[in-house]
Amino acid sequence: MKCSHAMLLIEKNARETLSNQEKSLVEKHLEECIDCRTYRQLLEKMLNALHDLKEWQ
Protein backbone atom coordinates (compact mmCIF):
# COMPACT_ATOMS: atom_id res chain seq x y z
CA MET A 1 0.00 0.00 0.00
CA LYS A 2 1.24 3.47 -0.85
CA CYS A 3 1.44 6.08 1.88
CA SER A 4 -1.06 8.31 0.10
CA HIS A 5 -3.70 5.57 0.26
CA ALA A 6 -2.84 4.72 3.86
CA MET A 7 -3.21 8.38 4.85
CA LEU A 8 -6.64 8.53 3.21
CA LEU A 9 -7.73 5.49 5.21
CA ILE A 10 -6.26 6.95 8.41
CA GLU A 11 -8.30 10.11 7.81
CA LYS A 12 -11.39 8.07 6.97
CA ASN A 13 -10.96 6.16 10.22
CA ALA A 14 -11.06 9.44 12.13
CA ARG A 15 -14.53 10.13 10.66
CA GLU A 16 -16.05 6.67 10.45
CA THR A 17 -15.37 3.02 11.02
CA LEU A 18 -13.19 1.22 8.52
CA SER A 19 -14.10 -2.19 7.16
CA ASN A 20 -12.16 -5.12 8.57
CA GLN A 21 -10.20 -5.35 5.33
CA GLU A 22 -9.30 -1.65 5.41
CA LYS A 23 -8.24 -1.90 9.07
CA SER A 24 -6.03 -4.86 8.29
CA LEU A 25 -4.38 -3.12 5.34
CA VAL A 26 -3.72 0.04 7.34
CA GLU A 27 -2.33 -1.82 10.35
CA LYS A 28 0.00 -3.85 8.15
CA HIS A 29 1.23 -0.67 6.47
CA LEU A 30 1.69 1.10 9.82
CA GLU A 31 3.88 -1.75 11.07
CA GLU A 32 6.35 -0.94 8.30
CA CYS A 33 5.99 2.82 7.82
CA ILE A 34 7.18 5.31 10.44
CA ASP A 35 5.95 8.27 8.40
CA CYS A 36 2.36 7.04 8.41
CA ARG A 37 2.55 6.09 12.10
CA THR A 38 3.71 9.64 12.82
CA TYR A 39 0.92 11.03 10.64
CA ARG A 40 -1.68 9.01 12.54
CA GLN A 41 -0.30 10.17 15.89
CA LEU A 42 -0.34 13.82 14.82
CA LEU A 43 -3.87 13.51 13.46
CA GLU A 44 -5.06 11.91 16.71
CA LYS A 45 -3.42 14.69 18.77
CA MET A 46 -5.00 17.37 16.59
CA LEU A 47 -8.47 15.80 16.81
CA ASN A 48 -8.16 15.39 20.58
CA ALA A 49 -7.14 19.05 20.92
CA LEU A 50 -10.15 20.13 18.85
CA HIS A 51 -12.42 17.97 20.96
CA ASP A 52 -10.98 19.49 24.16
CA LEU A 53 -11.47 22.97 22.75
CA LYS A 54 -15.12 22.27 21.99
CA GLU A 55 -15.67 21.02 25.54
CA TRP A 56 -13.94 24.08 27.00
CA GLN A 57 -16.25 26.47 25.20
PDB file of N, CA and C in Angstrom:
ATOM      1  N   MET A   1       0.840  -1.174   0.000  1.00  0.00           N
ATOM      2  CA  MET A   1       0.000   0.000   0.000  1.00  0.00           C
ATOM      3  C   MET A   1       0.883   1.234   0.000  1.00  0.00           C
ATOM      4  N   LYS A   2       0.513   2.196  -0.807  1.00  0.00           N
ATOM      5  CA  LYS A   2       1.236   3.466  -0.849  1.00  0.00           C
ATOM      6  C   LYS A   2       0.816   4.327   0.339  1.00  0.00           C
ATOM      7  N   CYS A   3       1.725   5.191   0.757  1.00  0.00           N
ATOM      8  CA  CYS A   3       1.442   6.084   1.884  1.00  0.00           C
ATOM      9  C   CYS A   3       0.227   6.969   1.615  1.00  0.00           C
ATOM     10  N   SER A   4       0.078   7.433   0.406  1.00  0.00           N
ATOM     11  CA  SER A   4      -1.057   8.309   0.098  1.00  0.00           C
ATOM     12  C   SER A   4      -2.386   7.603   0.354  1.00  0.00           C
ATOM     13  N   HIS A   5      -2.472   6.332   0.012  1.00  0.00           N
ATOM     14  CA  HIS A   5      -3.699   5.566   0.256  1.00  0.00           C
ATOM     15  C   HIS A   5      -3.863   5.294   1.751  1.00  0.00           C
ATOM     16  N   ALA A   6      -2.780   4.967   2.417  1.00  0.00           N
ATOM     17  CA  ALA A   6      -2.839   4.719   3.863  1.00  0.00           C
ATOM     18  C   ALA A   6      -3.316   5.971   4.593  1.00  0.00           C
ATOM     19  N   MET A   7      -2.812   7.131   4.194  1.00  0.00           N
ATOM     20  CA  MET A   7      -3.212   8.380   4.845  1.00  0.00           C
ATOM     21  C   MET A   7      -4.691   8.664   4.629  1.00  0.00           C
ATOM     22  N   LEU A   8      -5.204   8.366   3.463  1.00  0.00           N
ATOM     23  CA  LEU A   8      -6.640   8.534   3.215  1.00  0.00           C
ATOM     24  C   LEU A   8      -7.462   7.641   4.141  1.00  0.00           C
ATOM     25  N   LEU A   9      -7.009   6.408   4.328  1.00  0.00           N
ATOM     26  CA  LEU A   9      -7.727   5.490   5.210  1.00  0.00           C
ATOM     27  C   LEU A   9      -7.594   5.915   6.672  1.00  0.00           C
ATOM     28  N   ILE A  10      -6.450   6.447   7.050  1.00  0.00           N
ATOM     29  CA  ILE A  10      -6.262   6.954   8.412  1.00  0.00           C
ATOM     30  C   ILE A  10      -7.238   8.104   8.663  1.00  0.00           C
ATOM     31  N   GLU A  11      -7.361   8.995   7.697  1.00  0.00           N
ATOM     32  CA  GLU A  11      -8.302  10.111   7.815  1.00  0.00           C
ATOM     33  C   GLU A  11      -9.746   9.609   7.844  1.00  0.00           C
ATOM     34  N   LYS A  12     -10.047   8.641   6.992  1.00  0.00           N
ATOM     35  CA  LYS A  12     -11.393   8.067   6.971  1.00  0.00           C
ATOM     36  C   LYS A  12     -11.723   7.451   8.321  1.00  0.00           C
ATOM     37  N   ASN A  13     -10.747   6.795   8.926  1.00  0.00           N
ATOM     38  CA  ASN A  13     -10.961   6.157  10.220  1.00  0.00           C
ATOM     39  C   ASN A  13     -11.262   7.180  11.314  1.00  0.00           C
ATOM     40  N   ALA A  14     -10.773   8.391  11.163  1.00  0.00           N
ATOM     41  CA  ALA A  14     -11.064   9.444  12.133  1.00  0.00           C
ATOM     42  C   ALA A  14     -12.527   9.884  12.044  1.00  0.00           C
ATOM     43  N   ARG A  15     -13.151   9.695  10.887  1.00  0.00           N
ATOM     44  CA  ARG A  15     -14.532  10.130  10.658  1.00  0.00           C
ATOM     45  C   ARG A  15     -15.542   8.997  10.791  1.00  0.00           C
ATOM     46  N   GLU A  16     -15.127   7.803  10.467  1.00  0.00           N
ATOM     47  CA  GLU A  16     -16.054   6.672  10.447  1.00  0.00           C
ATOM     48  C   GLU A  16     -15.273   5.384  10.659  1.00  0.00           C
ATOM     49  N   THR A  17     -15.989   4.308  10.789  1.00  0.00           N
ATOM     50  CA  THR A  17     -15.368   3.016  11.019  1.00  0.00           C
ATOM     51  C   THR A  17     -14.923   2.399   9.697  1.00  0.00           C
ATOM     52  N   LEU A  18     -13.711   1.907   9.696  1.00  0.00           N
ATOM     53  CA  LEU A  18     -13.194   1.219   8.516  1.00  0.00           C
ATOM     54  C   LEU A  18     -13.719  -0.209   8.477  1.00  0.00           C
ATOM     55  N   SER A  19     -13.764  -0.760   7.286  1.00  0.00           N
ATOM     56  CA  SER A  19     -14.102  -2.186   7.158  1.00  0.00           C
ATOM     57  C   SER A  19     -12.953  -2.999   7.749  1.00  0.00           C
ATOM     58  N   ASN A  20     -13.213  -4.252   8.030  1.00  0.00           N
ATOM     59  CA  ASN A  20     -12.157  -5.117   8.572  1.00  0.00           C
ATOM     60  C   ASN A  20     -10.980  -5.216   7.611  1.00  0.00           C
ATOM     61  N   GLN A  21     -11.265  -5.263   6.326  1.00  0.00           N
ATOM     62  CA  GLN A  21     -10.205  -5.347   5.329  1.00  0.00           C
ATOM     63  C   GLN A  21      -9.365  -4.073   5.332  1.00  0.00           C
ATOM     64  N   GLU A  22     -10.030  -2.920   5.392  1.00  0.00           N
ATOM     65  CA  GLU A  22      -9.298  -1.654   5.413  1.00  0.00           C
ATOM     66  C   GLU A  22      -8.433  -1.548   6.669  1.00  0.00           C
ATOM     67  N   LYS A  23      -8.999  -1.923   7.813  1.00  0.00           N
ATOM     68  CA  LYS A  23      -8.239  -1.898   9.070  1.00  0.00           C
ATOM     69  C   LYS A  23      -6.991  -2.746   8.962  1.00  0.00           C
ATOM     70  N   SER A  24      -7.152  -3.932   8.428  1.00  0.00           N
ATOM     71  CA  SER A  24      -6.028  -4.858   8.289  1.00  0.00           C
ATOM     72  C   SER A  24      -4.940  -4.282   7.391  1.00  0.00           C
ATOM     73  N   LEU A  25      -5.348  -3.712   6.262  1.00  0.00           N
ATOM     74  CA  LEU A  25      -4.385  -3.119   5.337  1.00  0.00           C
ATOM     75  C   LEU A  25      -3.627  -1.959   5.975  1.00  0.00           C
ATOM     76  N   VAL A  26      -4.353  -1.104   6.696  1.00  0.00           N
ATOM     77  CA  VAL A  26      -3.718   0.042   7.336  1.00  0.00           C
ATOM     78  C   VAL A  26      -2.753  -0.423   8.427  1.00  0.00           C
ATOM     79  N   GLU A  27      -3.197  -1.340   9.262  1.00  0.00           N
ATOM     80  CA  GLU A  27      -2.335  -1.816  10.353  1.00  0.00           C
ATOM     81  C   GLU A  27      -1.059  -2.459   9.815  1.00  0.00           C
ATOM     82  N   LYS A  28      -1.187  -3.233   8.746  1.00  0.00           N
ATOM     83  CA  LYS A  28       0.002  -3.848   8.150  1.00  0.00           C
ATOM     84  C   LYS A  28       0.951  -2.767   7.638  1.00  0.00           C
ATOM     85  N   HIS A  29       0.402  -1.756   6.989  1.00  0.00           N
ATOM     86  CA  HIS A  29       1.231  -0.667   6.471  1.00  0.00           C
ATOM     87  C   HIS A  29       1.902   0.088   7.620  1.00  0.00           C
ATOM     88  N   LEU A  30       1.141   0.346   8.685  1.00  0.00           N
ATOM     89  CA  LEU A  30       1.686   1.099   9.817  1.00  0.00           C
ATOM     90  C   LEU A  30       2.825   0.358  10.509  1.00  0.00           C
ATOM     91  N   GLU A  31       2.793  -0.965  10.483  1.00  0.00           N
ATOM     92  CA  GLU A  31       3.880  -1.754  11.070  1.00  0.00           C
ATOM     93  C   GLU A  31       5.215  -1.457  10.384  1.00  0.00           C
ATOM     94  N   GLU A  32       5.139  -1.111   9.103  1.00  0.00           N
ATOM     95  CA  GLU A  32       6.353  -0.939   8.304  1.00  0.00           C
ATOM     96  C   GLU A  32       6.698   0.515   8.007  1.00  0.00           C
ATOM     97  N   CYS A  33       5.790   1.451   8.285  1.00  0.00           N
ATOM     98  CA  CYS A  33       5.994   2.819   7.822  1.00  0.00           C
ATOM     99  C   CYS A  33       5.950   3.831   8.973  1.00  0.00           C
ATOM    100  N   ILE A  34       7.098   4.331   9.352  1.00  0.00           N
ATOM    101  CA  ILE A  34       7.182   5.311  10.438  1.00  0.00           C
ATOM    102  C   ILE A  34       6.493   6.623  10.074  1.00  0.00           C
ATOM    103  N   ASP A  35       6.567   7.012   8.815  1.00  0.00           N
ATOM    104  CA  ASP A  35       5.946   8.269   8.395  1.00  0.00           C
ATOM    105  C   ASP A  35       4.432   8.235   8.605  1.00  0.00           C
ATOM    106  N   CYS A  36       3.802   7.150   8.246  1.00  0.00           N
ATOM    107  CA  CYS A  36       2.356   7.044   8.412  1.00  0.00           C
ATOM    108  C   CYS A  36       1.979   6.866   9.880  1.00  0.00           C
ATOM    109  N   ARG A  37       2.809   6.179  10.656  1.00  0.00           N
ATOM    110  CA  ARG A  37       2.552   6.087  12.098  1.00  0.00           C
ATOM    111  C   ARG A  37       2.596   7.477  12.722  1.00  0.00           C
ATOM    112  N   THR A  38       3.591   8.270  12.313  1.00  0.00           N
ATOM    113  CA  THR A  38       3.705   9.636  12.819  1.00  0.00           C
ATOM    114  C   THR A  38       2.504  10.461  12.392  1.00  0.00           C
ATOM    115  N   TYR A  39       2.089  10.312  11.147  1.00  0.00           N
ATOM    116  CA  TYR A  39       0.923  11.028  10.637  1.00  0.00           C
ATOM    117  C   TYR A  39      -0.317  10.695  11.469  1.00  0.00           C
ATOM    118  N   ARG A  40      -0.523   9.420  11.746  1.00  0.00           N
ATOM    119  CA  ARG A  40      -1.684   9.006  12.541  1.00  0.00           C
ATOM    120  C   ARG A  40      -1.625   9.610  13.943  1.00  0.00           C
ATOM    121  N   GLN A  41      -0.451   9.595  14.552  1.00  0.00           N
ATOM    122  CA  GLN A  41      -0.297  10.167  15.892  1.00  0.00           C
ATOM    123  C   GLN A  41      -0.601  11.659  15.895  1.00  0.00           C
ATOM    124  N   LEU A  42      -0.097  12.376  14.902  1.00  0.00           N
ATOM    125  CA  LEU A  42      -0.345  13.816  14.818  1.00  0.00           C
ATOM    126  C   LEU A  42      -1.822  14.109  14.579  1.00  0.00           C
ATOM    127  N   LEU A  43      -2.447  13.334  13.724  1.00  0.00           N
ATOM    128  CA  LEU A  43      -3.875  13.515  13.456  1.00  0.00           C
ATOM    129  C   LEU A  43      -4.686  13.261  14.720  1.00  0.00           C
ATOM    130  N   GLU A  44      -4.348  12.215  15.465  1.00  0.00           N
ATOM    131  CA  GLU A  44      -5.061  11.911  16.708  1.00  0.00           C
ATOM    132  C   GLU A  44      -4.888  13.042  17.723  1.00  0.00           C
ATOM    133  N   LYS A  45      -3.670  13.576  17.847  1.00  0.00           N
ATOM    134  CA  LYS A  45      -3.423  14.686  18.772  1.00  0.00           C
ATOM    135  C   LYS A  45      -4.227  15.920  18.368  1.00  0.00           C
ATOM    136  N   MET A  46      -4.265  16.210  17.081  1.00  0.00           N
ATOM    137  CA  MET A  46      -5.004  17.370  16.594  1.00  0.00           C
ATOM    138  C   MET A  46      -6.504  17.206  16.868  1.00  0.00           C
ATOM    139  N   LEU A  47      -7.049  16.040  16.586  1.00  0.00           N
ATOM    140  CA  LEU A  47      -8.473  15.800  16.805  1.00  0.00           C
ATOM    141  C   LEU A  47      -8.818  15.847  18.294  1.00  0.00           C
ATOM    142  N   ASN A  48      -7.936  15.328  19.136  1.00  0.00           N
ATOM    143  CA  ASN A  48      -8.157  15.395  20.581  1.00  0.00           C
ATOM    144  C   ASN A  48      -8.136  16.834  21.065  1.00  0.00           C
ATOM    145  N   ALA A  49      -7.220  17.641  20.542  1.00  0.00           N
ATOM    146  CA  ALA A  49      -7.142  19.048  20.925  1.00  0.00           C
ATOM    147  C   ALA A  49      -8.408  19.788  20.501  1.00  0.00           C
ATOM    148  N   LEU A  50      -8.908  19.512  19.306  1.00  0.00           N
ATOM    149  CA  LEU A  50     -10.152  20.130  18.846  1.00  0.00           C
ATOM    150  C   LEU A  50     -11.334  19.721  19.720  1.00  0.00           C
ATOM    151  N   HIS A  51     -11.355  18.464  20.094  1.00  0.00           N
ATOM    152  CA  HIS A  51     -12.422  17.967  20.964  1.00  0.00           C
ATOM    153  C   HIS A  51     -12.360  18.673  22.322  1.00  0.00           C
ATOM    154  N   ASP A  52     -11.159  18.799  22.881  1.00  0.00           N
ATOM    155  CA  ASP A  52     -10.983  19.486  24.157  1.00  0.00           C
ATOM    156  C   ASP A  52     -11.408  20.945  24.063  1.00  0.00           C
ATOM    157  N   LEU A  53     -11.095  21.581  22.957  1.00  0.00           N
ATOM    158  CA  LEU A  53     -11.465  22.969  22.754  1.00  0.00           C
ATOM    159  C   LEU A  53     -12.983  23.136  22.715  1.00  0.00           C
ATOM    160  N   LYS A  54     -13.659  22.227  22.048  1.00  0.00           N
ATOM    161  CA  LYS A  54     -15.124  22.270  21.987  1.00  0.00           C
ATOM    162  C   LYS A  54     -15.724  22.116  23.378  1.00  0.00           C
ATOM    163  N   GLU A  55     -15.155  21.220  24.193  1.00  0.00           N
ATOM    164  CA  GLU A  55     -15.669  21.019  25.542  1.00  0.00           C
ATOM    165  C   GLU A  55     -15.404  22.233  26.425  1.00  0.00           C
ATOM    166  N   TRP A  56     -14.317  22.920  26.199  1.00  0.00           N
ATOM    167  CA  TRP A  56     -13.944  24.076  26.997  1.00  0.00           C
ATOM    168  C   TRP A  56     -14.890  25.235  26.763  1.00  0.00           C
ATOM    169  N   GLN A  57     -15.358  25.355  25.542  1.00  0.00           N
ATOM    170  CA  GLN A  57     -16.247  26.469  25.201  1.00  0.00           C
ATOM    171  C   GLN A  57     -17.550  26.204  25.794  1.00  0.00           C
TER     172      GLN A  57
END
